[in-house]
Amino acid sequence: MQIPRIDPKNALGLADKVVGLGKEIAGSLTGQDRLKKAGQVQQEKGTERLKAVESELDAKAHQTKANAAAQAQKTAQKQKEVVNS
C-alpha cells in the first residue's frame, strides 16, 4: 500500500482553518473582538483554499475521463478502418 503524497498547498487550507479556529476561540475567551474576527477571516480563507483544491481535483478527473473517451474513440475508429479495408 502506498502512502499518498500531500501537496503543501492542499494542507494550507486545512492549516488556515485550524489556526483561524484557535484565534477565534482565543479571542472569544479573552474578549478580544479583533482577534476573534481575524480568526473568522482566516477560517474563511482556509475554506476557500479547500474549495479551490477540490475544484482543481474535479477538473483533473474530468480531463482524465475526456482523455480516456478520446482514446477509446480513436481505437474504435482504427478498428472500423481495419474492418472496412
C-alpha atoms as a PDB file:
ATOM      1  CA  MET A   1       0.000   0.000   0.000  1.00  0.00           C
ATOM      2  CA  GLN A   2       1.354   3.405  -0.972  1.00  0.00           C
ATOM      3  CA  ILE A   3       1.189   6.390   1.302  1.00  0.00           C
ATOM      4  CA  PRO A   4      -0.334   9.278  -0.640  1.00  0.00           C
ATOM      5  CA  ARG A   5       1.767  12.378  -1.080  1.00  0.00           C
ATOM      6  CA  ILE A   6       0.253  15.510   0.349  1.00  0.00           C
ATOM      7  CA  ASP A   7       0.679  18.624  -1.704  1.00  0.00           C
ATOM      8  CA  PRO A   8       1.601  21.512   0.629  1.00  0.00           C
ATOM      9  CA  LYS A   9      -0.943  23.822  -0.978  1.00  0.00           C
ATOM     10  CA  ASN A  10      -3.668  21.311  -0.073  1.00  0.00           C
ATOM     11  CA  ALA A  11      -2.573  21.320   3.563  1.00  0.00           C
ATOM     12  CA  LEU A  12      -2.555  25.126   3.758  1.00  0.00           C
ATOM     13  CA  GLY A  13      -6.337  25.354   3.596  1.00  0.00           C
ATOM     14  CA  LEU A  14      -6.745  22.972   6.487  1.00  0.00           C
ATOM     15  CA  ALA A  15      -3.993  24.719   8.435  1.00  0.00           C
ATOM     16  CA  ASP A  16      -5.703  28.083   7.917  1.00  0.00           C
ATOM     17  CA  LYS A  17      -8.940  26.678   9.258  1.00  0.00           C
ATOM     18  CA  VAL A  18      -7.268  25.195  12.351  1.00  0.00           C
ATOM     19  CA  VAL A  19      -5.221  28.304  13.142  1.00  0.00           C
ATOM     20  CA  GLY A  20      -8.235  30.519  12.481  1.00  0.00           C
ATOM     21  CA  LEU A  21     -10.372  28.497  14.853  1.00  0.00           C
ATOM     22  CA  GLY A  22      -7.674  28.809  17.510  1.00  0.00           C
ATOM     23  CA  LYS A  23      -7.598  32.573  17.058  1.00  0.00           C
ATOM     24  CA  GLU A  24     -11.371  32.791  17.196  1.00  0.00           C
ATOM     25  CA  ILE A  25     -11.516  30.747  20.405  1.00  0.00           C
ATOM     26  CA  ALA A  26      -8.681  32.762  21.976  1.00  0.00           C
ATOM     27  CA  GLY A  27     -10.403  35.994  21.009  1.00  0.00           C
ATOM     28  CA  SER A  28     -13.693  34.817  22.474  1.00  0.00           C
ATOM     29  CA  LEU A  29     -12.089  33.709  25.734  1.00  0.00           C
ATOM     30  CA  THR A  30     -10.089  36.919  26.181  1.00  0.00           C
ATOM     31  CA  GLY A  31     -12.802  39.261  24.930  1.00  0.00           C
ATOM     32  CA  GLN A  32     -10.655  40.489  22.027  1.00  0.00           C
ATOM     33  CA  ASP A  33     -13.078  41.039  19.166  1.00  0.00           C
ATOM     34  CA  ARG A  34     -10.261  41.889  16.773  1.00  0.00           C
ATOM     35  CA  LEU A  35      -8.569  38.519  17.344  1.00  0.00           C
ATOM     36  CA  LYS A  36     -11.912  36.736  17.077  1.00  0.00           C
ATOM     37  CA  LYS A  37     -12.645  38.450  13.750  1.00  0.00           C
ATOM     38  CA  ALA A  38      -9.130  37.681  12.467  1.00  0.00           C
ATOM     39  CA  GLY A  39      -9.751  34.017  13.269  1.00  0.00           C
ATOM     40  CA  GLN A  40     -13.047  34.026  11.394  1.00  0.00           C
ATOM     41  CA  VAL A  41     -11.419  35.635   8.356  1.00  0.00           C
ATOM     42  CA  GLN A  42      -8.588  33.095   8.405  1.00  0.00           C
ATOM     43  CA  GLN A  43     -11.105  30.244   8.579  1.00  0.00           C
ATOM     44  CA  GLU A  44     -12.930  31.662   5.556  1.00  0.00           C
ATOM     45  CA  LYS A  45      -9.606  31.859   3.714  1.00  0.00           C
ATOM     46  CA  GLY A  46      -8.969  28.198   4.532  1.00  0.00           C
ATOM     47  CA  THR A  47     -12.418  27.232   3.317  1.00  0.00           C
ATOM     48  CA  GLU A  48     -11.830  28.996   0.003  1.00  0.00           C
ATOM     49  CA  ARG A  49      -8.456  27.306  -0.421  1.00  0.00           C
ATOM     50  CA  LEU A  50     -10.028  23.903   0.191  1.00  0.00           C
ATOM     51  CA  LYS A  51     -12.791  24.670  -2.311  1.00  0.00           C
ATOM     52  CA  ALA A  52     -10.176  25.663  -4.898  1.00  0.00           C
ATOM     53  CA  VAL A  53      -8.268  22.418  -4.360  1.00  0.00           C
ATOM     54  CA  GLU A  54     -11.499  20.434  -4.681  1.00  0.00           C
ATOM     55  CA  SER A  55     -12.384  22.228  -7.911  1.00  0.00           C
ATOM     56  CA  GLU A  56      -8.910  21.564  -9.280  1.00  0.00           C
ATOM     57  CA  LEU A  57      -9.213  17.860  -8.483  1.00  0.00           C
ATOM     58  CA  ASP A  58     -12.639  17.726 -10.138  1.00  0.00           C
ATOM     59  CA  ALA A  59     -11.222  19.382 -13.249  1.00  0.00           C
ATOM     60  CA  LYS A  60      -8.359  16.881 -13.386  1.00  0.00           C
ATOM     61  CA  ALA A  61     -10.821  13.993 -13.050  1.00  0.00           C
ATOM     62  CA  HIS A  62     -12.958  15.357 -15.905  1.00  0.00           C
ATOM     63  CA  GLN A  63      -9.869  15.811 -18.065  1.00  0.00           C
ATOM     64  CA  THR A  64      -8.817  12.223 -17.394  1.00  0.00           C
ATOM     65  CA  LYS A  65     -12.275  10.979 -18.394  1.00  0.00           C
ATOM     66  CA  ALA A  66     -12.192  13.077 -21.552  1.00  0.00           C
ATOM     67  CA  ASN A  67      -8.761  11.732 -22.473  1.00  0.00           C
ATOM     68  CA  ALA A  68      -9.945   8.156 -21.933  1.00  0.00           C
ATOM     69  CA  ALA A  69     -13.014   8.761 -24.104  1.00  0.00           C
ATOM     70  CA  ALA A  70     -10.874  10.286 -26.860  1.00  0.00           C
ATOM     71  CA  GLN A  71      -8.538   7.292 -26.766  1.00  0.00           C
ATOM     72  CA  ALA A  72     -11.485   4.886 -26.917  1.00  0.00           C
ATOM     73  CA  GLN A  73     -12.860   6.792 -29.899  1.00  0.00           C
ATOM     74  CA  LYS A  74      -9.502   6.583 -31.712  1.00  0.00           C
ATOM     75  CA  THR A  75      -9.290   2.858 -31.038  1.00  0.00           C
ATOM     76  CA  ALA A  76     -12.815   2.299 -32.312  1.00  0.00           C
ATOM     77  CA  GLN A  77     -12.068   4.310 -35.450  1.00  0.00           C
ATOM     78  CA  LYS A  78      -8.928   2.273 -36.141  1.00  0.00           C
ATOM     79  CA  GLN A  79     -10.853  -0.965 -35.704  1.00  0.00           C
ATOM     80  CA  LYS A  80     -13.554   0.277 -38.071  1.00  0.00           C
ATOM     81  CA  GLU A  81     -10.927   1.166 -40.671  1.00  0.00           C
ATOM     82  CA  VAL A  82      -9.365  -2.296 -40.395  1.00  0.00           C
ATOM     83  CA  VAL A  83     -12.751  -3.985 -40.846  1.00  0.00           C
ATOM     84  CA  ASN A  84     -13.625  -1.808 -43.846  1.00  0.00           C
ATOM     85  CA  SER A  85     -10.257  -2.433 -45.548  1.00  0.00           C
END
